[in-house]
Protein backbone atom coordinates (compact mmCIF):
# COMPACT_ATOMS: atom_id res chain seq x y z
CA UNK A 1 -12.22 32.79 -15.52
CA UNK A 2 -8.66 33.75 -16.47
CA UNK A 3 -6.74 31.78 -19.11
CA UNK A 4 -4.00 30.83 -16.63
CA UNK A 5 -6.34 29.53 -13.93
CA UNK A 6 -7.24 26.30 -15.73
CA UNK A 7 -3.68 24.93 -15.76
CA UNK A 8 -3.36 24.32 -12.00
CA UNK A 9 -6.69 22.49 -12.03
CA UNK A 10 -5.42 20.25 -14.84
CA UNK A 11 -2.20 19.61 -12.93
CA UNK A 12 -4.12 18.75 -9.77
CA UNK A 13 -6.34 16.39 -11.77
CA UNK A 14 -3.32 14.68 -13.31
CA UNK A 15 -1.65 14.35 -9.92
CA UNK A 16 -4.82 12.85 -8.49
CA UNK A 17 -5.01 10.33 -11.33
CA UNK A 18 -1.35 9.41 -10.83
CA UNK A 19 -1.84 9.03 -7.09
CA UNK A 20 -4.91 6.85 -7.62
CA UNK A 21 -3.06 4.68 -10.13
CA UNK A 22 -0.10 4.32 -7.78
CA UNK A 23 -2.39 3.48 -4.86
CA UNK A 24 -4.13 0.85 -6.97
CA UNK A 25 -0.80 -0.61 -8.07
CA UNK A 26 0.50 -0.73 -4.50
CA UNK A 27 -2.74 -2.29 -3.27
CA UNK A 28 -2.68 -4.97 -5.97
CA UNK A 29 1.03 -5.61 -5.26
CA UNK A 30 0.32 -6.06 -1.54
CA UNK A 31 -2.66 -8.29 -2.35
CA UNK A 32 -0.44 -10.40 -4.61
CA UNK A 33 2.18 -10.79 -1.86
CA UNK A 34 -0.49 -11.72 0.69
CA UNK A 35 -1.98 -14.20 -1.79
CA UNK A 36 1.41 -15.81 -2.39
CA UNK A 37 2.03 -16.04 1.35
CA UNK A 38 -1.41 -17.44 2.14
CA UNK A 39 -1.57 -19.95 -0.72
CA UNK A 40 1.22 -22.25 0.57
CA UNK A 41 -0.28 -22.14 4.06
CA UNK A 42 -3.68 -23.13 2.69
CA UNK A 43 -2.04 -25.93 0.69
CA UNK A 44 -0.23 -27.18 3.79
CA UNK A 45 -3.45 -27.17 5.81
CA UNK A 46 -5.23 -29.09 3.06
CA UNK A 47 -2.37 -31.61 2.90
CA UNK A 48 -2.43 -32.10 6.66
CA UNK A 49 -6.18 -32.62 6.61
CA UNK A 50 -5.78 -35.23 3.89
CA UNK A 51 -2.96 -37.02 5.72
CA UNK A 52 -4.74 -37.36 9.05
């Protein structure tokens, strides 16, 4: 193996880690938005069920 051939592999590994972290962050962000949108609806449904 040549001394210069290990750097690209490290770069690719770092990029993969960054991409995974970003994907995870985006997924958790989307999940949070969905949760915030669904929570009021669930509360409204529960309130309606209690009223009737």
